[in-house]
């Protein structure tokens, strides 16, 4: 708008001023269209090869299954097991996965696209539909230069217009309110929406891997397979094989192929790599739980333990004889020791009253613990283990078929102190031996162990070697002559029968003055002989000494009740005979 500059010398002089106070309706406005070009994504530092979420959990079970197959092959060679053992392990492993609290889902990345009807993208290692792009060096500068070009602006504006047209079409086709959507939704659509796979992230306070997902579950499946085939093994057999690195368990990542290791995060590696060998009670808890679930949900009954070989091994752990074997067998029959993995797999006790229990305390302990406790009960009945000698009256007493007490205790003491250690004793976690305490033979064996434990086998991680070793087309024949025979037991001196002619004041009869020691009595002290036998039982079974004390006390009190009932029955029978 032009205005007159007042006070100017020249008449009718005009000057143009650009100070605009108002704009008319026909004023020209210029505006620039914003480019709809996407901003360059921020560079991601995550490794696209690493798996996360459900895909990482699925990959975790894949690695664990390969390690489980390695463990099966190790046991087939180490213990010369039949080929049917692998078939049983495979079936129980599949049942174990289905009985987990959160069983592994199908491969989540491909399964999600399969349910959506979309072909899976060729993403390197992402678990979801989002892809993380990692721009190369100088890519951001190139994006800035490309943003200035007119060709990109025109392309972006066309994309913006097309996007706006799609939005308008969706708005016109959609209902006017959310209530209409709820009314128009059918029951089939609601059910399909409920069944649709969810890809929501896992809560922060929820653990990805629980106790039943740990590598300990593979040992539980192996143990349950041995029970199914009635192979007489104990938990310490597995633990000794693990400690000597004959069974794959410790540091297993070095045995996995590189194609599987590259997708493992540090947390998944920690979950696959236990730091120590398991404890027998931990394995027994897993095995008994799996056996109980198989019986309850699939009606699969796990048979009793093949107890005869295990009982003989238990007796030999105490340097016992066949006579001690027969005595322990009778006591175990009287006490009705359970030979199953869980008390629910055995018939319940006879209940005379409603408050009577259906099973005994400590019925859920491992079978070898119950057998060791029964051996201790028999040794207390025969020897006393309280510092007082037991002298029988009759020459046919079983005590004369047993070794002398002092010689027996000296032999057990030498076993506990490790005066003649084996390679298994050296590699045990509880061993206090050092390299300076080893002789030349044990030192050579220890060097071989270090080479086996620290260095991976040559070519073990190549795909060809893994397929040939753990997925063979045919099995090689295994001959039984490779089994190493056990050493002959050393003979111990027997009890002198000349003690019968001596005065009875020198000792007591076997079974008399039987003392029951309570494990909760912190002020009382047990005799040295009794403590030595307890230590031997705890060392052989791998459980704590307090557990052995509790089981022994329970068996002793049950035996005392049985003896009381038996005496009452005898008295009642004698009374009936006298009345007649």
Protein backbone atom coordinates (compact mmCIF):
# COMPACT_ATOMS: atom_id res chain seq x y z
CA UNK A 1 0.00 0.00 0.00
CA UNK A 2 1.39 3.40 -0.98
CA UNK A 3 1.11 6.49 1.23
CA UNK A 4 2.19 10.12 0.86
CA UNK A 5 5.32 11.17 2.57
CA UNK A 6 4.29 14.39 4.33
CA UNK A 7 6.76 17.17 4.70
CA UNK A 8 8.52 16.38 1.45
CA UNK A 9 9.64 19.26 -0.77
CA UNK A 10 8.26 17.80 -3.96
CA UNK A 11 4.50 17.85 -4.39
CA UNK A 12 2.69 14.60 -5.10
CA UNK A 13 5.79 12.63 -4.08
CA UNK A 14 4.99 9.07 -3.12
CA UNK A 15 7.06 6.45 -1.32
CA UNK A 16 6.24 2.78 -1.08
CA UNK A 17 6.20 1.29 2.43
CA UNK A 18 6.23 -2.45 3.11
CA UNK A 19 4.78 -2.22 6.59
CA UNK A 20 1.61 -4.27 6.16
CA UNK A 21 -1.12 -3.78 8.73
CA UNK A 22 -3.89 -5.87 7.17
CA UNK A 23 -4.09 -8.43 4.42
CA UNK A 24 -6.96 -8.64 2.06
CA UNK A 25 -8.74 -11.79 1.14
CA UNK A 26 -6.98 -11.96 -2.22
CA UNK A 27 -3.43 -11.54 -0.95
CA UNK A 28 -0.89 -13.96 -2.34
CA UNK A 29 0.69 -16.40 0.11
CA UNK A 30 3.59 -18.63 -0.65
CA UNK A 31 4.23 -21.81 1.29
CA UNK A 32 6.56 -24.68 0.75
CA UNK A 33 5.40 -28.29 0.77
CA UNK A 34 7.11 -30.33 3.44
CA UNK A 35 8.90 -33.32 2.14
CA UNK A 36 7.60 -36.61 3.47
CA UNK A 37 11.01 -38.21 3.32
CA UNK A 38 11.68 -40.54 6.19
CA UNK A 39 14.37 -39.52 8.55
CA UNK A 40 17.42 -41.67 8.63
CA UNK A 41 17.18 -44.25 11.40
CA UNK A 42 19.61 -44.05 14.25
CA UNK A 43 22.48 -46.41 13.93
CA UNK A 44 21.88 -49.55 16.02
CA UNK A 45 24.77 -51.08 17.92
CA UNK A 46 23.08 -54.43 18.45
CA UNK A 47 24.49 -57.49 16.75
CA UNK A 48 21.89 -58.75 14.24
CA UNK A 49 23.19 -62.32 14.66
CA UNK A 50 22.20 -62.55 18.32
CA UNK A 51 18.79 -63.99 19.14
CA UNK A 52 16.52 -62.45 21.76
CA UNK A 53 13.14 -63.23 23.27
CA UNK A 54 11.27 -66.37 22.31
CA UNK A 55 13.58 -67.05 19.40
CA UNK A 56 16.54 -67.09 21.79
CA UNK A 57 14.69 -69.50 24.08
CA UNK A 58 13.92 -71.80 21.16
CA UNK A 59 17.57 -71.69 20.13
CA UNK A 60 18.53 -72.45 23.75
CA UNK A 61 16.57 -75.72 23.60
CA UNK A 62 18.12 -76.52 20.23
CA UNK A 63 21.60 -76.24 21.73
CA UNK A 64 20.53 -78.21 24.79
CA UNK A 65 19.11 -80.96 22.61
CA UNK A 66 22.37 -81.27 20.68
CA UNK A 67 24.29 -81.45 23.96
CA UNK A 68 21.82 -84.08 25.17
CA UNK A 69 22.55 -86.16 22.10
CA UNK A 70 26.26 -85.85 22.84
CA UNK A 71 25.62 -87.05 26.39
CA UNK A 72 23.74 -90.09 25.11
CA UNK A 73 26.61 -91.02 22.80
CA UNK A 74 29.09 -90.56 25.66
CA UNK A 75 27.17 -92.96 27.90
CA UNK A 76 26.77 -95.50 25.12
CA UNK A 77 30.56 -95.69 24.82
CA UNK A 78 31.44 -95.21 28.49
CA UNK A 79 29.07 -97.77 30.03
CA UNK A 80 28.59 -99.99 26.93
CA UNK A 81 24.83 -99.54 26.96
CA UNK A 82 22.51 -101.07 24.35
CA UNK A 83 21.36 -99.04 21.38
CA UNK A 84 17.79 -99.08 22.74
CA UNK A 85 18.98 -96.64 25.37
CA UNK A 86 19.09 -93.86 22.76
CA UNK A 87 15.51 -94.58 21.69
CA UNK A 88 14.25 -94.41 25.28
CA UNK A 89 16.18 -91.18 25.87
CA UNK A 90 14.65 -89.60 22.79
CA UNK A 91 11.08 -90.44 23.85
CA UNK A 92 11.54 -89.28 27.45
CA UNK A 93 13.19 -86.07 26.23
CA UNK A 94 10.15 -85.28 24.08
CA UNK A 95 7.85 -85.95 27.04
CA UNK A 96 10.03 -83.80 29.27
CA UNK A 97 9.71 -80.83 26.91
CA UNK A 98 5.94 -81.18 26.87
CA UNK A 99 5.78 -81.28 30.68
CA UNK A 100 7.75 -78.10 31.28
CA UNK A 101 5.93 -75.24 33.06
CA UNK A 102 6.41 -73.16 29.90
CA UNK A 103 7.12 -75.59 27.05
CA UNK A 104 9.06 -74.24 24.08
CA UNK A 105 6.84 -72.97 21.29
CA UNK A 106 7.50 -73.66 17.59
CA UNK A 107 10.24 -71.59 15.99
CA UNK A 108 8.77 -68.17 16.79
CA UNK A 109 10.05 -66.16 13.83
CA UNK A 110 8.74 -68.47 11.11
CA UNK A 111 5.72 -69.58 13.15
CA UNK A 112 4.47 -66.00 13.55
CA UNK A 113 4.66 -65.31 9.82
CA UNK A 114 3.10 -68.69 9.10
CA UNK A 115 0.05 -67.85 11.22
CA UNK A 116 -0.23 -64.43 9.59
CA UNK A 117 -0.05 -65.95 6.09
CA UNK A 118 3.04 -63.95 5.15
CA UNK A 119 6.30 -65.28 3.78
CA UNK A 120 9.11 -64.84 6.32
CA UNK A 121 11.62 -62.18 5.60
CA UNK A 122 15.24 -63.06 5.25
CA UNK A 123 16.28 -61.26 8.41
CA UNK A 124 19.64 -62.12 9.87
CA UNK A 125 18.80 -62.61 13.50
CA UNK A 126 15.76 -60.61 14.55
CA UNK A 127 13.11 -62.33 16.57
CA UNK A 128 10.24 -60.09 15.59
CA UNK A 129 8.96 -58.34 12.52
CA UNK A 130 11.01 -55.20 13.12
CA UNK A 131 14.39 -55.00 11.49
CA UNK A 132 17.30 -53.08 12.90
CA UNK A 133 19.26 -51.34 10.15
CA UNK A 134 22.86 -50.50 10.78
CA UNK A 135 23.95 -47.75 8.38
CA UNK A 136 27.46 -47.83 7.07
CA UNK A 137 30.00 -45.04 7.43
CA UNK A 138 29.07 -41.91 5.53
CA UNK A 139 25.49 -43.05 5.04
CA UNK A 140 24.03 -40.17 7.03
CA UNK A 141 25.91 -37.65 4.90
CA UNK A 142 24.60 -39.31 1.74
CA UNK A 143 21.06 -39.13 3.09
CA UNK A 144 21.43 -35.40 3.65
CA UNK A 145 22.66 -34.86 0.10
CA UNK A 146 19.87 -37.00 -1.31
CA UNK A 147 17.32 -34.99 0.67
CA UNK A 148 18.31 -31.84 -1.17
CA UNK A 149 17.67 -33.29 -4.59
CA UNK A 150 14.39 -32.48 -6.32
CA UNK A 151 13.79 -36.05 -7.46
CA UNK A 152 13.56 -37.27 -3.87
CA UNK A 153 11.19 -34.43 -2.99
CA UNK A 154 8.81 -35.33 -5.75
CA UNK A 155 8.91 -39.01 -4.83
CA UNK A 156 8.30 -38.25 -1.17
CA UNK A 157 5.38 -35.95 -1.96
CA UNK A 158 3.77 -38.65 -4.09
CA UNK A 159 4.17 -41.13 -1.25
CA UNK A 160 2.61 -38.61 1.12
CA UNK A 161 -0.41 -38.11 -1.13
CA UNK A 162 -0.87 -41.85 -1.57
CA UNK A 163 -0.67 -42.34 2.19
CA UNK A 164 -3.28 -39.64 2.78
CA UNK A 165 -5.61 -41.24 0.23
CA UNK A 166 -5.33 -44.59 1.99
CA UNK A 167 -6.14 -43.00 5.33
CA UNK A 168 -9.22 -41.24 3.91
CA UNK A 169 -10.42 -44.52 2.42
CA UNK A 170 -10.02 -46.34 5.75
CA UNK A 171 -11.88 -43.59 7.60
CA UNK A 172 -14.77 -43.71 5.15
CA UNK A 173 -15.05 -47.51 5.33
CA UNK A 174 -14.66 -47.84 9.13
CA UNK A 175 -17.71 -47.60 11.48
CA UNK A 176 -18.48 -44.32 13.16
CA UNK A 177 -17.90 -45.41 16.75
CA UNK A 178 -16.23 -48.08 18.79
CA UNK A 179 -19.60 -49.38 20.00
CA UNK A 180 -20.49 -50.26 16.40
CA UNK A 181 -17.30 -52.25 16.17
CA UNK A 182 -18.20 -54.20 19.28
CA UNK A 183 -21.71 -54.86 17.97
CA UNK A 184 -20.47 -55.88 14.55
CA UNK A 185 -17.84 -58.28 15.87
CA UNK A 186 -18.98 -61.86 15.68
CA UNK A 187 -18.15 -64.68 18.04
CA UNK A 188 -15.89 -66.33 15.48
CA UNK A 189 -13.88 -63.17 15.15
CA UNK A 190 -13.58 -62.90 18.93
CA UNK A 191 -12.35 -66.50 19.19
CA UNK A 192 -9.87 -66.00 16.38
CA UNK A 193 -8.64 -62.84 18.09
CA UNK A 194 -8.10 -64.77 21.32
CA UNK A 195 -6.28 -67.58 19.53
CA UNK A 196 -4.06 -65.21 17.59
CA UNK A 197 -0.40 -65.54 18.60
CA UNK A 198 0.79 -62.71 20.75
CA UNK A 199 4.24 -61.26 20.41
CA UNK A 200 4.15 -59.14 23.55
CA UNK A 201 7.50 -58.78 25.26
CA UNK A 202 8.22 -60.80 28.37
CA UNK A 203 7.80 -58.88 31.65
CA UNK A 204 10.97 -57.72 33.27
CA UNK A 205 10.40 -59.62 36.50
CA UNK A 206 9.80 -62.92 34.71
CA UNK A 207 12.82 -65.18 34.25
CA UNK A 208 13.52 -66.50 30.77
CA UNK A 209 14.96 -69.81 32.02
CA UNK A 210 13.79 -71.55 35.19
CA UNK A 211 15.18 -74.52 37.09
CA UNK A 212 13.45 -77.11 34.91
CA UNK A 213 14.97 -75.58 31.75
CA UNK A 214 18.53 -75.84 33.05
CA UNK A 215 21.10 -78.36 31.74
CA UNK A 216 20.38 -80.38 34.88
CA UNK A 217 17.22 -81.60 33.14
CA UNK A 218 19.30 -83.58 30.63
CA UNK A 219 20.93 -85.53 33.46
CA UNK A 220 17.47 -86.19 34.90
CA UNK A 221 16.26 -87.58 31.56
CA UNK A 222 19.34 -89.81 31.31
CA UNK A 223 18.78 -91.12 34.83
CA UNK A 224 15.12 -91.79 34.13
CA UNK A 225 16.06 -93.67 30.95
CA UNK A 226 18.39 -95.88 32.98
CA UNK A 227 15.55 -96.61 35.42
CA UNK A 228 13.27 -97.48 32.51
CA UNK A 229 15.76 -100.06 31.21
CA UNK A 230 16.55 -101.15 34.81
CA UNK A 231 20.22 -100.24 34.49
CA UNK A 232 21.70 -100.24 38.03
CA UNK A 233 23.30 -96.80 38.27
CA UNK A 234 23.42 -94.20 41.01
CA UNK A 235 23.54 -90.43 40.96
CA UNK A 236 27.20 -90.46 41.93
CA UNK A 237 27.98 -92.45 38.78
CA UNK A 238 26.76 -89.53 36.70
CA UNK A 239 28.55 -86.99 38.88
CA UNK A 240 31.87 -88.86 38.65
CA UNK A 241 31.50 -89.03 34.86
CA UNK A 242 30.80 -85.28 34.78
CA UNK A 243 33.76 -84.41 37.01
CA UNK A 244 36.12 -86.46 34.83
CA UNK A 245 34.71 -84.78 31.68
CA UNK A 246 33.69 -88.17 30.28
CA UNK A 247 30.10 -86.91 30.18
CA UNK A 248 29.37 -83.59 28.48
CA UNK A 249 28.09 -81.11 31.05
CA UNK A 250 30.74 -78.58 32.11
CA UNK A 251 31.89 -75.94 29.61
CA UNK A 252 29.80 -77.30 26.70
CA UNK A 253 29.95 -74.20 24.49
CA UNK A 254 33.30 -75.29 23.03
CA UNK A 255 31.62 -78.42 21.65
CA UNK A 256 28.82 -76.61 19.81
CA UNK A 257 29.26 -75.71 16.12
CA UNK A 258 30.11 -72.12 15.29
CA UNK A 259 26.84 -71.72 13.38
CA UNK A 260 24.93 -72.14 16.66
CA UNK A 261 27.32 -70.28 18.95
CA UNK A 262 27.12 -67.07 16.91
CA UNK A 263 23.44 -66.63 17.86
CA UNK A 264 23.98 -67.04 21.63
CA UNK A 265 23.98 -64.04 23.93
CA UNK A 266 26.10 -63.98 27.06
CA UNK A 267 23.05 -64.77 29.19
CA UNK A 268 22.18 -67.81 27.08
CA UNK A 269 25.78 -68.99 27.30
CA UNK A 270 25.65 -68.71 31.07
CA UNK A 271 22.39 -70.67 31.14
CA UNK A 272 24.00 -73.45 29.07
CA UNK A 273 27.26 -73.56 31.05
CA UNK A 274 27.00 -74.79 34.66
CA UNK A 275 29.94 -73.85 36.85
CA UNK A 276 29.92 -77.00 39.00
CA UNK A 277 28.72 -80.57 38.80
CA UNK A 278 25.22 -81.12 40.21
CA UNK A 279 24.47 -82.51 43.66
CA UNK A 280 22.66 -85.85 43.97
CA UNK A 281 19.65 -84.38 45.78
CA UNK A 282 19.20 -81.77 43.04
CA UNK A 283 19.17 -84.45 40.35
CA UNK A 284 16.86 -86.65 42.42
CA UNK A 285 14.35 -83.81 42.80
CA UNK A 286 14.23 -83.36 39.02
CA UNK A 287 14.00 -87.11 38.32
CA UNK A 288 11.26 -87.77 40.89
CA UNK A 289 9.22 -84.82 39.60
CA UNK A 290 9.47 -86.06 36.01
CA UNK A 291 8.54 -89.62 37.00
CA UNK A 292 5.53 -88.35 38.96
CA UNK A 293 4.31 -86.20 36.05
CA UNK A 294 4.73 -89.03 33.56
CA UNK A 295 2.60 -91.28 35.73
CA UNK A 296 -0.05 -88.67 36.45
CA UNK A 297 -0.50 -87.13 32.99
CA UNK A 298 0.57 -89.87 30.57
CA UNK A 299 0.02 -93.00 32.73
CA UNK A 300 3.63 -94.08 32.18
CA UNK A 301 4.86 -96.08 35.16
CA UNK A 302 8.60 -96.08 35.82
CA UNK A 303 9.62 -99.48 37.24
CA UNK A 304 11.46 -100.00 40.49
CA UNK A 305 15.22 -99.85 40.67
CA UNK A 306 17.21 -102.95 39.84
CA UNK A 307 18.21 -102.99 43.46
CA UNK A 308 20.27 -106.19 43.71
CA UNK A 309 23.44 -104.83 42.01
CA UNK A 310 23.07 -101.47 43.76
CA UNK A 311 22.70 -103.18 47.14
CA UNK A 312 25.85 -105.20 46.55
CA UNK A 313 27.75 -102.06 45.59
CA UNK A 314 26.47 -100.40 48.75
CA UNK A 315 27.65 -103.31 50.89
CA UNK A 316 31.05 -103.28 49.19
CA UNK A 317 31.35 -99.55 49.88
CA UNK A 318 31.45 -100.55 53.57
CA UNK A 319 33.83 -103.48 52.85
CA UNK A 320 30.98 -105.88 53.58
CA UNK A 321 30.57 -109.57 52.79
CA UNK A 322 27.73 -111.64 51.30
CA UNK A 323 26.53 -112.31 54.84
CA UNK A 324 26.09 -108.58 55.40
CA UNK A 325 24.29 -108.43 52.05
CA UNK A 326 21.72 -111.00 53.22
CA UNK A 327 21.21 -109.26 56.57
CA UNK A 328 20.63 -105.87 54.92
CA UNK A 329 18.25 -107.49 52.46
CA UNK A 330 16.14 -108.89 55.33
CA UNK A 331 16.08 -105.58 57.19
CA UNK A 332 15.06 -103.74 54.00
CA UNK A 333 12.25 -106.24 53.50
CA UNK A 334 11.03 -105.80 57.09
CA UNK A 335 11.09 -102.00 56.83
CA UNK A 336 9.51 -102.04 53.33
CA UNK A 337 12.05 -99.63 51.89
CA UNK A 338 10.62 -97.92 48.78
CA UNK A 339 12.49 -98.70 45.58
CA UNK A 340 10.74 -96.13 43.38
CA UNK A 341 11.56 -92.57 42.47
CA UNK A 342 8.57 -91.06 44.27
CA UNK A 343 6.39 -92.25 47.14
CA UNK A 344 3.26 -91.74 45.02
CA UNK A 345 4.41 -94.57 42.73
CA UNK A 346 4.25 -97.11 45.57
CA UNK A 347 1.17 -98.48 47.36
CA UNK A 348 0.10 -96.36 50.30
CA UNK A 349 0.45 -97.50 53.90
CA UNK A 350 -2.38 -99.23 55.70
CA UNK A 351 -4.25 -96.54 57.63
CA UNK A 352 -6.11 -97.65 60.74
CA UNK A 353 -7.06 -94.10 61.67
CA UNK A 354 -7.86 -91.06 59.59
CA UNK A 355 -4.84 -89.20 60.91
CA UNK A 356 -2.40 -91.96 60.00
CA UNK A 357 0.03 -91.00 57.22
CA UNK A 358 -0.02 -92.70 53.85
CA UNK A 359 3.76 -92.78 53.53
CA UNK A 360 6.80 -92.66 55.80
CA UNK A 361 9.12 -89.76 56.31
CA UNK A 362 12.26 -89.84 54.12
CA UNK A 363 10.53 -92.10 51.59
CA UNK A 364 11.52 -89.62 48.88
CA UNK A 365 15.28 -89.89 49.42
CA UNK A 366 17.37 -91.68 46.76
CA UNK A 367 17.32 -95.46 46.96
CA UNK A 368 21.07 -95.70 47.56
CA UNK A 369 20.65 -93.44 50.61
CA UNK A 370 18.01 -95.78 52.05
CA UNK A 371 20.21 -98.81 51.38
CA UNK A 372 23.24 -97.17 52.99
CA UNK A 373 21.15 -96.33 56.04
CA UNK A 374 19.95 -99.93 56.23
CA UNK A 375 23.59 -101.09 56.15
CA UNK A 376 24.37 -98.77 59.09
CA UNK A 377 21.41 -100.17 61.05
CA UNK A 378 22.68 -103.73 60.52
CA UNK A 379 26.22 -102.74 61.53
CA UNK A 380 24.86 -101.19 64.73
CA UNK A 381 22.86 -104.32 65.49
CA UNK A 382 25.87 -106.55 64.95
CA UNK A 383 28.81 -104.49 66.22
CA UNK A 384 27.11 -101.84 68.36
CA UNK A 385 29.53 -99.11 67.13
CA UNK A 386 29.58 -97.64 70.64
CA UNK A 387 32.96 -98.86 71.90
CA UNK A 388 31.57 -101.98 73.60
CA UNK A 389 32.27 -105.38 72.05
CA UNK A 390 29.38 -107.63 71.01
CA UNK A 391 29.92 -111.35 71.68
CA UNK A 392 27.37 -113.89 70.40
CA UNK A 393 26.33 -116.97 72.33
CA UNK A 394 25.86 -119.42 69.49
CA UNK A 395 28.50 -120.48 66.98
CA UNK A 396 25.95 -120.22 64.16
CA UNK A 397 25.44 -116.53 64.81
CA UNK A 398 25.87 -114.43 61.61
CA UNK A 399 28.41 -112.28 63.42
CA UNK A 400 31.08 -114.96 62.94
CA UNK A 401 30.67 -114.67 59.16
CA UNK A 402 31.51 -110.98 59.28
CA UNK A 403 34.96 -109.38 59.48
CA UNK A 404 36.47 -108.19 62.71
CA UNK A 405 35.34 -104.73 63.76
CA UNK A 406 38.79 -103.17 64.19
CA UNK A 407 40.00 -104.41 60.80
CA UNK A 408 36.78 -103.22 59.18
CA UNK A 409 37.06 -99.74 60.69
CA UNK A 410 40.72 -99.45 59.67
CA UNK A 411 39.78 -100.33 56.09
CA UNK A 412 36.94 -97.79 56.05
CA UNK A 413 39.26 -95.16 57.55
CA UNK A 414 41.80 -95.74 54.78
CA UNK A 415 39.08 -95.32 52.17
CA UNK A 416 37.97 -92.03 53.70
CA UNK A 417 41.49 -90.65 54.05
CA UNK A 418 42.34 -91.61 50.46
CA UNK A 419 45.55 -93.48 51.24
CA UNK A 420 45.35 -95.19 47.83
CA UNK A 421 43.40 -92.66 45.71
CA UNK A 422 42.13 -93.31 42.23
CA UNK A 423 41.73 -90.82 39.41
CA UNK A 424 38.06 -90.35 40.32
CA UNK A 425 39.06 -89.42 43.87
CA UNK A 426 41.54 -86.87 42.54
CA UNK A 427 38.96 -85.21 40.28
CA UNK A 428 36.23 -85.12 42.93
CA UNK A 429 35.04 -81.73 44.13
CA UNK A 430 35.58 -82.73 47.75
CA UNK A 431 39.15 -83.87 47.11
CA UNK A 432 41.91 -81.89 48.85
CA UNK A 433 44.76 -83.47 46.89
CA UNK A 434 47.17 -81.30 44.91
CA UNK A 435 49.55 -82.09 42.08
CA UNK A 436 52.36 -82.56 44.63
CA UNK A 437 50.45 -85.45 46.24
CA UNK A 438 50.16 -87.47 43.02
CA UNK A 439 52.48 -90.23 41.90
CA UNK A 440 53.70 -90.63 38.33
CA UNK A 441 50.74 -92.71 37.20
CA UNK A 442 48.14 -90.31 38.60
CA UNK A 443 50.10 -87.32 37.31
CA UNK A 444 50.05 -88.71 33.76
CA UNK A 445 46.33 -89.31 34.07
CA UNK A 446 45.81 -85.79 35.36
CA UNK A 447 47.68 -84.32 32.38
CA UNK A 448 45.49 -86.33 30.03
CA UNK A 449 42.45 -85.02 31.88
CA UNK A 450 43.65 -81.41 31.50
CA UNK A 451 44.08 -81.91 27.77
CA UNK A 452 40.57 -83.35 27.51
CA UNK A 453 38.95 -80.68 29.69
CA UNK A 454 40.72 -77.56 28.41
CA UNK A 455 41.15 -78.29 24.71
CA UNK A 456 38.25 -79.14 22.39
CA UNK A 457 38.57 -82.34 20.38
CA UNK A 458 40.16 -81.87 16.99
CA UNK A 459 37.55 -81.16 14.36
CA UNK A 460 34.72 -81.71 16.85
CA UNK A 461 32.87 -78.52 15.89
CA UNK A 462 32.80 -79.14 12.14
CA UNK A 463 29.44 -80.07 10.69
CA UNK A 464 30.74 -83.22 9.02
CA UNK A 465 32.19 -84.53 12.28
CA UNK A 466 29.02 -83.78 14.24
CA UNK A 467 26.81 -85.55 11.70
CA UNK A 468 29.09 -88.57 11.61
CA UNK A 469 29.54 -88.80 15.38
CA UNK A 470 26.09 -87.99 16.78
CA UNK A 471 23.76 -88.72 13.83
CA UNK A 472 25.16 -91.98 12.40
CA UNK A 473 23.37 -93.89 9.67
CA UNK A 474 24.23 -97.21 11.32
CA UNK A 475 25.53 -98.12 14.73
CA UNK A 476 28.79 -99.90 15.30
CA UNK A 477 28.67 -103.14 17.23
CA UNK A 478 29.76 -102.82 20.82
CA UNK A 479 31.38 -105.84 22.37
CA UNK A 480 31.11 -106.64 26.05
CA UNK A 481 34.74 -107.71 26.39
CA UNK A 482 35.75 -104.07 26.61
CA UNK A 483 34.21 -103.88 30.07
CA UNK A 484 36.95 -103.60 32.66
CA UNK A 485 36.51 -106.13 35.49
CA UNK A 486 36.44 -104.97 39.08
CA UNK A 487 39.30 -105.66 41.41
CA UNK A 488 38.92 -108.62 43.71
CA UNK A 489 37.96 -107.56 47.24
CA UNK A 490 40.65 -107.96 49.85
CA UNK A 491 39.94 -110.45 52.63
CA UNK A 492 39.62 -109.11 56.17
CA UNK A 493 40.26 -111.17 59.31
CA UNK A 494 37.21 -112.83 60.83
CA UNK A 495 36.04 -112.73 64.45
CA UNK A 496 37.78 -115.19 66.76
CA UNK A 497 35.43 -117.92 68.00
CA UNK A 498 37.50 -118.40 71.16
CA UNK A 499 35.61 -115.50 72.71
CA UNK A 500 32.80 -117.91 73.54
CA UNK A 501 34.85 -119.53 76.30
CA UNK A 502 35.56 -116.22 78.00
CA UNK A 503 33.42 -114.53 80.59
CA UNK A 504 30.33 -112.76 79.29
CA UNK A 505 31.35 -109.66 81.20
CA UNK A 506 33.78 -108.84 78.38
CA UNK A 507 30.96 -107.88 76.06
CA UNK A 508 27.26 -107.84 75.33
CA UNK A 509 25.03 -109.78 73.01
CA UNK A 510 24.43 -108.44 69.48
CA UNK A 511 21.35 -106.24 69.36
CA UNK A 512 21.42 -105.42 73.07
CA UNK A 513 21.77 -101.87 74.44
CA UNK A 514 20.86 -100.39 71.09
CA UNK A 515 21.20 -96.59 71.18
CA UNK A 516 19.31 -94.28 68.80
CA UNK A 517 21.06 -90.98 68.14
CA UNK A 518 18.97 -87.96 67.20
CA UNK A 519 20.36 -85.67 64.48
CA UNK A 520 18.74 -82.65 66.17
CA UNK A 521 20.63 -83.20 69.44
CA UNK A 522 23.32 -80.52 69.12
CA UNK A 523 24.67 -81.10 72.64
CA UNK A 524 25.11 -84.86 72.35
CA UNK A 525 28.13 -86.56 70.81
CA UNK A 526 28.08 -89.78 68.80
CA UNK A 527 30.79 -92.45 69.17
CA UNK A 528 33.78 -92.28 66.83
CA UNK A 529 33.01 -95.61 65.19
CA UNK A 530 29.47 -94.51 64.42
CA UNK A 531 30.67 -91.16 63.02
CA UNK A 532 33.17 -92.92 60.77
CA UNK A 533 30.47 -95.13 59.27
CA UNK A 534 28.24 -92.08 58.79
CA UNK A 535 30.99 -90.23 56.94
CA UNK A 536 31.52 -93.21 54.67
CA UNK A 537 27.81 -93.36 53.80
CA UNK A 538 27.67 -89.62 53.11
CA UNK A 539 30.78 -89.79 50.92
CA UNK A 540 29.55 -92.74 48.87
CA UNK A 541 26.02 -91.40 48.30
CA UNK A 542 27.05 -87.75 47.87
CA UNK A 543 24.44 -86.36 50.29
CA UNK A 544 24.95 -84.43 53.50
CA UNK A 545 25.71 -86.29 56.70
CA UNK A 546 22.63 -84.78 58.37
CA UNK A 547 20.41 -86.53 55.82
CA UNK A 548 22.03 -89.88 56.60
CA UNK A 549 21.50 -89.25 60.33
CA UNK A 550 17.81 -88.50 59.78
CA UNK A 551 17.18 -91.56 57.60
CA UNK A 552 19.00 -93.89 60.01
CA UNK A 553 17.01 -92.59 62.97
CA UNK A 554 13.75 -93.03 61.06
CA UNK A 555 14.60 -96.62 60.12
CA UNK A 556 15.64 -97.46 63.67
CA UNK A 557 12.38 -96.21 65.17
CA UNK A 558 10.35 -98.07 62.55
CA UNK A 559 12.33 -101.23 63.32
CA UNK A 560 11.67 -100.76 67.05
CA UNK A 561 7.92 -100.41 66.43
CA UNK A 562 7.94 -103.53 64.27
CA UNK A 563 9.75 -105.44 67.02
CA UNK A 564 7.24 -104.25 69.63
CA UNK A 565 4.30 -105.38 67.51
CA UNK A 566 6.00 -108.72 66.87
CA UNK A 567 6.56 -109.30 70.60
CA UNK A 568 2.92 -108.50 71.35
CA UNK A 569 1.79 -110.98 68.73
CA UNK A 570 4.04 -113.65 70.22
CA UNK A 571 2.68 -113.01 73.70
CA UNK A 572 -0.88 -113.13 72.44
CA UNK A 573 -0.20 -116.39 70.62
CA UNK A 574 1.41 -117.90 73.73
CA UNK A 575 -1.61 -116.84 75.80
CA UNK A 576 -3.96 -118.53 73.35
CA UNK A 577 -1.89 -121.72 73.45
CA UNK A 578 -1.89 -121.75 77.27
CA UNK A 579 -5.66 -121.33 77.35
CA UNK A 580 -6.10 -124.31 75.11
